[in-house]
Protein backbone atom coordinates (compact mmCIF):
# COMPACT_ATOMS: atom_id res chain seq x y z
CA UNK A 1 155.23 59.98 116.31
CA UNK A 2 153.74 57.63 118.90
CA UNK A 3 150.36 56.10 118.24
CA UNK A 4 147.59 56.47 120.84
CA UNK A 5 147.86 53.74 123.45
CA UNK A 6 151.62 53.38 123.04
CA UNK A 7 153.58 52.29 126.11
CA UNK A 8 156.13 54.78 127.48
CA UNK A 9 158.58 53.74 130.19
CA UNK A 10 159.49 56.73 132.37
CA UNK A 11 162.47 56.30 134.67
CA UNK A 12 161.95 58.61 137.63
CA UNK A 13 158.24 59.02 136.91
CA UNK A 14 157.32 59.69 140.53
CA UNK A 15 159.74 62.62 140.91
CA UNK A 16 159.24 66.34 140.45
CA UNK A 17 159.48 66.42 136.66
CA UNK A 18 158.25 62.85 136.38
CA UNK A 19 154.81 63.34 137.86
CA UNK A 20 154.06 66.22 135.48
CA UNK A 21 155.34 64.17 132.54
CA UNK A 22 153.31 61.11 133.52
CA UNK A 23 150.17 63.22 133.92
CA UNK A 24 150.57 64.74 130.46
CA UNK A 25 151.34 61.39 128.83
CA UNK A 26 148.22 59.88 130.40
CA UNK A 27 146.13 62.85 129.33
CA UNK A 28 147.23 62.27 125.74
CA UNK A 29 146.17 58.64 125.88
CA UNK A 30 149.50 56.86 126.35
CA UNK A 31 150.08 53.97 128.71
CA UNK A 32 152.80 54.70 131.24
CA UNK A 33 155.21 52.40 133.03
CA UNK A 34 156.89 54.35 135.84
CA UNK A 35 160.24 52.72 136.62
CA UNK A 36 161.20 53.42 140.25
CA UNK A 37 163.67 52.28 142.87
CA UNK A 38 160.73 52.30 145.30
CA UNK A 39 157.55 51.63 143.31
CA UNK A 40 155.64 51.38 146.59
CA UNK A 41 156.08 55.15 146.91
CA UNK A 42 154.66 55.90 143.45
CA UNK A 43 150.98 55.31 144.23
CA UNK A 44 150.23 59.01 143.73
CA UNK A 45 150.68 58.51 139.97
CA UNK A 46 147.77 56.11 139.41
CA UNK A 47 144.92 58.65 139.83
CA UNK A 48 146.49 60.68 137.00
CA UNK A 49 145.17 58.18 134.44
CA UNK A 50 142.44 55.66 133.86
CA UNK A 51 142.27 52.22 135.43
CA UNK A 52 145.42 50.30 134.47
CA UNK A 53 146.82 53.16 132.38
CA UNK A 54 149.72 53.91 134.75
CA UNK A 55 151.75 51.19 136.44
CA UNK A 56 154.83 51.46 138.65
CA UNK A 57 157.58 48.83 138.35
CA UNK A 58 160.86 48.34 140.20
CA UNK A 59 164.06 49.42 138.47
CA UNK A 60 167.41 50.69 139.67
CA UNK A 61 169.78 52.35 137.22
CA UNK A 62 172.67 50.62 138.99
CA UNK A 63 171.10 47.25 138.09
CA UNK A 64 171.13 46.69 134.31
CA UNK A 65 168.84 43.66 134.50
CA UNK A 66 166.08 45.65 136.21
CA UNK A 67 166.42 48.41 133.60
CA UNK A 68 166.08 45.89 130.77
CA UNK A 69 162.92 44.45 132.35
CA UNK A 70 161.45 47.94 132.70
CA UNK A 71 161.79 48.70 128.97
CA UNK A 72 160.55 45.35 127.64
CA UNK A 73 157.71 46.02 125.22
CA UNK A 74 158.03 49.80 125.51
CA UNK A 75 157.38 51.99 122.47
CA UNK A 76 159.43 54.86 123.92
CA UNK A 77 161.65 55.57 126.92
CA UNK A 78 162.18 58.69 129.03
CA UNK A 79 165.04 58.99 131.53
CA UNK A 80 164.55 61.64 134.21
CA UNK A 81 166.87 60.12 136.82
CA UNK A 82 169.92 61.97 138.09
CA UNK A 83 171.45 62.95 141.40
CA UNK A 84 172.04 66.57 142.42
CA UNK A 85 173.95 65.68 145.58
CA UNK A 86 175.77 62.43 146.28
CA UNK A 87 174.82 60.09 149.08
CA UNK A 88 175.87 56.48 149.67
CA UNK A 89 175.89 54.54 146.40
CA UNK A 90 173.89 57.27 144.66
CA UNK A 91 176.95 58.99 143.19
CA UNK A 92 177.40 61.30 140.21
CA UNK A 93 179.27 58.70 138.12
CA UNK A 94 176.86 55.88 139.04
CA UNK A 95 173.64 57.71 138.18
CA UNK A 96 174.48 60.64 135.91
CA UNK A 97 176.89 58.70 133.70
CA UNK A 98 176.65 54.92 133.99
CA UNK A 99 172.96 54.94 134.83
CA UNK A 100 172.26 57.09 131.78
CA UNK A 101 174.35 54.71 129.67
CA UNK A 102 172.43 51.68 130.99
CA UNK A 103 169.04 53.20 130.09
CA UNK A 104 170.25 54.23 126.62
CA UNK A 105 171.59 50.77 125.92
CA UNK A 106 168.34 49.14 127.04
CA UNK A 107 166.24 51.52 124.91
CA UNK A 108 168.46 50.82 121.89
CA UNK A 109 168.17 47.06 122.37
CA UNK A 110 164.36 47.17 122.26
CA UNK A 111 164.31 49.70 119.42
CA UNK A 112 162.57 52.41 121.47
CA UNK A 113 163.28 56.13 120.96
CA UNK A 114 164.76 57.81 124.02
CA UNK A 115 164.39 61.25 125.59
CA UNK A 116 167.08 61.98 128.17
CA UNK A 117 166.80 64.87 130.64
CA UNK A 118 170.11 66.59 131.27
CA UNK A 119 170.79 70.13 132.55
CA UNK A 120 171.92 73.48 131.17
CA UNK A 121 175.01 73.28 133.37
CA UNK A 122 176.22 70.17 131.54
CA UNK A 123 179.74 70.78 130.26
CA UNK A 124 183.15 69.16 130.42
CA UNK A 125 184.35 72.60 131.56
CA UNK A 126 181.74 72.92 134.31
CA UNK A 127 183.15 74.05 137.69
CA UNK A 128 181.09 71.35 139.43
CA UNK A 129 181.14 67.56 139.32
CA UNK A 130 177.40 67.58 138.67
CA UNK A 131 177.79 69.56 135.45
CA UNK A 132 180.76 67.49 134.33
CA UNK A 133 178.99 64.17 134.92
CA UNK A 134 175.83 65.39 133.22
CA UNK A 135 177.95 66.15 130.14
CA UNK A 136 179.58 62.73 130.38
CA UNK A 137 176.12 61.20 130.68
CA UNK A 138 174.99 62.95 127.49
CA UNK A 139 178.02 61.55 125.65
CA UNK A 140 177.30 58.06 127.00
CA UNK A 141 173.66 58.26 125.90
CA UNK A 142 174.49 59.38 122.36
CA UNK A 143 177.22 56.73 122.07
CA UNK A 144 174.68 53.99 122.85
CA UNK A 145 171.63 55.56 121.18
CA UNK A 146 172.71 58.17 118.57
CA UNK A 147 169.10 59.13 117.85
CA UNK A 148 168.29 60.02 121.45
CA UNK A 149 166.96 63.50 122.19
CA UNK A 150 168.75 65.40 124.95
CA UNK A 151 166.88 68.11 126.85
CA UNK A 152 168.84 70.59 128.98
CA UNK A 153 166.58 72.66 131.25
CA UNK A 154 167.73 75.56 133.40
CA UNK A 155 166.53 75.71 137.03
CA UNK A 156 163.06 74.10 137.05
CA UNK A 157 160.29 75.68 139.11
CA UNK A 158 156.87 74.49 140.16
CA UNK A 159 154.86 73.74 143.33
CA UNK A 160 157.18 70.91 144.44
CA UNK A 161 160.47 72.50 143.40
CA UNK A 162 163.66 72.52 145.43
CA UNK A 163 164.63 76.05 144.44
CA UNK A 164 162.02 78.65 145.35
CA UNK A 165 160.56 76.47 148.12
CA UNK A 166 163.98 75.83 149.58
CA UNK A 167 164.99 79.48 149.79
CA UNK A 168 161.55 80.55 151.02
CA UNK A 169 161.92 78.04 153.85
CA UNK A 170 165.38 79.39 154.62
CA UNK A 171 164.06 82.96 154.74
CA UNK A 172 161.30 81.86 157.09
CA UNK A 173 163.72 80.31 159.58
CA UNK A 174 166.98 82.30 159.25
CA UNK A 175 167.69 85.84 160.46
CA UNK A 176 169.41 86.68 157.17
CA UNK A 177 169.68 85.31 153.63
CA UNK A 178 173.14 84.03 152.63
CA UNK A 179 174.06 85.29 149.16
CA UNK A 180 176.53 83.25 147.10
CA UNK A 181 177.27 84.26 143.52
CA UNK A 182 174.52 86.84 143.39
CA UNK A 183 175.43 87.94 139.85
CA UNK A 184 175.09 84.45 138.37
CA UNK A 185 172.42 84.43 135.66
CA UNK A 186 169.64 81.85 135.47
CA UNK A 187 166.66 81.26 133.20
CA UNK A 188 164.12 79.32 135.33
CA UNK A 189 161.68 77.17 133.39
CA UNK A 190 158.27 75.90 134.52
CA UNK A 191 158.03 72.17 135.17
CA UNK A 192 154.87 71.89 133.09
CA UNK A 193 156.70 73.37 130.11
CA UNK A 194 159.54 70.87 130.56
CA UNK A 195 156.97 68.05 130.61
CA UNK A 196 155.39 69.45 127.44
CA UNK A 197 158.82 69.50 125.79
CA UNK A 198 159.40 65.86 126.74
CA UNK A 199 156.06 64.73 125.32
CA UNK A 200 156.54 66.83 122.18
CA UNK A 201 159.93 65.16 121.66
CA UNK A 202 158.31 61.73 121.91
CA UNK A 203 155.72 62.86 119.37
CA UNK A 204 158.37 63.70 116.77
CA UNK A 205 158.87 67.45 117.30
CA UNK A 206 162.58 67.04 118.11
CA UNK A 207 165.44 66.23 115.77
CA UNK A 208 166.98 62.82 116.60
CA UNK A 209 170.38 63.17 118.24
CA UNK A 210 169.91 66.88 118.97
CA UNK A 211 170.50 68.71 122.26
CA UNK A 212 167.74 71.18 123.19
CA UNK A 213 168.18 73.97 125.75
CA UNK A 214 165.09 74.82 127.79
CA UNK A 215 164.72 78.17 129.51
CA UNK A 216 161.76 80.25 130.62
CA UNK A 217 160.80 83.69 129.32
CA UNK A 218 163.05 85.56 131.77
CA UNK A 219 166.79 85.70 132.50
CA UNK A 220 167.50 86.92 136.04
CA UNK A 221 170.40 87.23 138.43
CA UNK A 222 170.45 84.84 141.39
CA UNK A 223 170.26 87.80 143.79
CA UNK A 224 167.11 89.09 142.08
CA UNK A 225 165.48 85.67 142.28
CA UNK A 226 166.19 85.52 146.01
CA UNK A 227 164.69 88.98 146.53
CA UNK A 228 161.53 87.95 144.73
CA UNK A 229 161.39 84.70 146.69
CA UNK A 230 161.43 86.62 149.97
CA UNK A 231 158.80 89.01 148.64
CA UNK A 232 156.46 86.23 147.51
CA UNK A 233 156.94 84.41 150.84
CA UNK A 234 156.41 87.58 152.88
CA UNK A 235 159.73 87.00 154.66
CA UNK A 236 162.00 90.02 154.05
CA UNK A 237 165.59 89.42 155.11
CA UNK A 238 168.88 91.24 154.69
CA UNK A 239 171.56 89.56 152.59
CA UNK A 240 174.82 88.28 154.00
CA UNK A 241 177.20 88.17 151.02
CA UNK A 242 179.53 85.17 151.13
CA UNK A 243 182.57 84.76 148.86
CA UNK A 244 182.75 81.43 147.08
CA UNK A 245 185.69 80.19 149.17
CA UNK A 246 183.85 80.81 152.43
CA UNK A 247 180.65 79.22 151.12
CA UNK A 248 182.64 76.12 150.08
CA UNK A 249 184.22 75.93 153.53
CA UNK A 250 180.83 76.18 155.22
CA UNK A 251 179.39 73.52 152.92
CA UNK A 252 182.34 71.22 153.63
CA UNK A 253 181.83 71.58 157.39
CA UNK A 254 178.20 70.44 157.07
CA UNK A 255 179.07 67.34 155.02
CA UNK A 256 178.58 64.92 157.96
CA UNK A 257 174.96 66.08 158.35
CA UNK A 258 172.02 64.36 156.61
CA UNK A 259 171.16 65.91 153.24
CA UNK A 260 167.87 67.23 154.62
CA UNK A 261 169.81 69.42 157.07
CA UNK A 262 172.50 70.67 154.69
CA UNK A 263 171.67 74.08 153.17
CA UNK A 264 174.07 73.56 150.24
CA UNK A 265 176.85 71.23 149.11
CA UNK A 266 180.34 72.13 147.94
CA UNK A 267 179.46 71.04 144.42
CA UNK A 268 176.33 73.20 144.39
CA UNK A 269 178.45 76.20 145.40
CA UNK A 270 180.74 75.45 142.47
CA UNK A 271 177.76 75.28 140.11
CA UNK A 272 176.73 78.80 141.20
CA UNK A 273 179.91 80.06 139.54
CA UNK A 274 178.45 79.44 136.05
CA UNK A 275 175.41 80.94 134.30
CA UNK A 276 172.59 78.61 133.26
CA UNK A 277 170.91 80.36 130.33
CA UNK A 278 169.95 79.27 126.83
CA UNK A 279 172.82 79.83 124.41
CA UNK A 280 172.70 81.98 121.30
CA UNK A 281 173.60 78.90 119.24
CA UNK A 282 170.58 76.96 120.50
CA UNK A 283 168.29 79.90 119.73
CA UNK A 284 169.70 80.25 116.21
CA UNK A 285 169.27 76.52 115.54
CA UNK A 286 165.74 76.36 116.97
CA UNK A 287 166.84 73.98 119.73
CA UNK A 288 164.68 75.60 122.39
CA UNK A 289 161.21 75.30 123.91
CA UNK A 290 159.79 77.18 120.94
CA UNK A 291 161.42 74.67 118.60
CA UNK A 292 159.46 71.95 120.39
CA UNK A 293 156.18 73.81 120.08
CA UNK A 294 156.13 75.36 123.57
CA UNK A 295 155.70 78.93 122.37
CA UNK A 296 154.16 80.55 125.48
CA UNK A 297 156.15 79.30 128.49
CA UNK A 298 154.90 80.17 131.95
CA UNK A 299 156.61 83.02 133.80
CA UNK A 300 157.86 83.02 137.38
CA UNK A 301 155.40 85.79 138.26
CA UNK A 302 152.44 83.75 136.99
CA UNK A 303 153.21 80.60 138.99
CA UNK A 304 155.52 81.02 141.97
CA UNK A 305 153.65 83.52 144.23
CA UNK A 306 150.70 81.12 144.65
CA UNK A 307 152.74 78.24 146.04
CA UNK A 308 155.03 80.38 148.19
CA UNK A 309 152.06 81.96 149.96
CA UNK A 310 152.19 79.13 152.52
CA UNK A 311 155.44 80.59 153.88
CA UNK A 312 153.73 83.82 154.91
CA UNK A 313 152.98 84.34 158.59
CA UNK A 314 149.32 83.42 158.10
CA UNK A 315 149.85 81.04 155.21
CA UNK A 316 147.17 80.98 152.55
CA UNK A 317 145.04 83.32 154.67
CA UNK A 318 147.67 86.10 154.58
CA UNK A 319 145.78 88.09 151.96
CA UNK A 320 142.53 88.22 153.99
CA UNK A 321 141.79 91.25 156.14
CA UNK A 322 139.62 91.69 159.18
């Protein structure tokens, strides 16, 4: 268990999961070093703690020397960096595998415990390169730091997410909602609960070297999640069912476009062919949120409607009358 005032290096601290993790670490009295490719864009983290409690430093997982500098003097290390879609030198092998290995090696060398964020889709048998490289990254981490804790969340939701927000935006602008793999099952988990699991792992709640699977209180089909997204956003649309082969073709044709303009990548279509739910084995072994002390995870219904209200025709004023 970390002592109050301990220094935690968080790779990817300014990202979606990172900012919630940094906020919780600061609230519990830890000092935080946020390791970022662009530390100049991490200023939003500083108000989350006291003066000098949170500091951003430059580090790139493709540069081992910068990673070593970022962990010098750290009492614990958290790696939240990965890539969901490739672009330039930010490739699946470079970040999800070799980057994970570099962080694990650096943490081992300074004797700091490591928490590594993976994904429920991680598997050597995954249909997508993302899932395959996340599995390879887990193996690389445990080879370098056998006591590392691996956390595999399902789809993560929260105000800044790229799931519910993304599809609500699509419903707002498109005449129909494309439906790919509507029967695929997911178990969305709240970002604050993932952050709580990370901090609990640092505080000794997790078994060293174990892989934990993090899912929310509800398992739902992808189609049902899209229906609820449109309902929360006040943007009803009819579905246009697309077979996987046609969705892959469409994704391939948009590859030359910038990532911000691409609705989905070929690899993301492949990942929709596999369920992302907590396994029976993890439940039996206690390798879940509950096993890390998060016994009342937030539901989709309790969180998502509030931040999707902005997609309604009158935004946050949609519920007013008169």
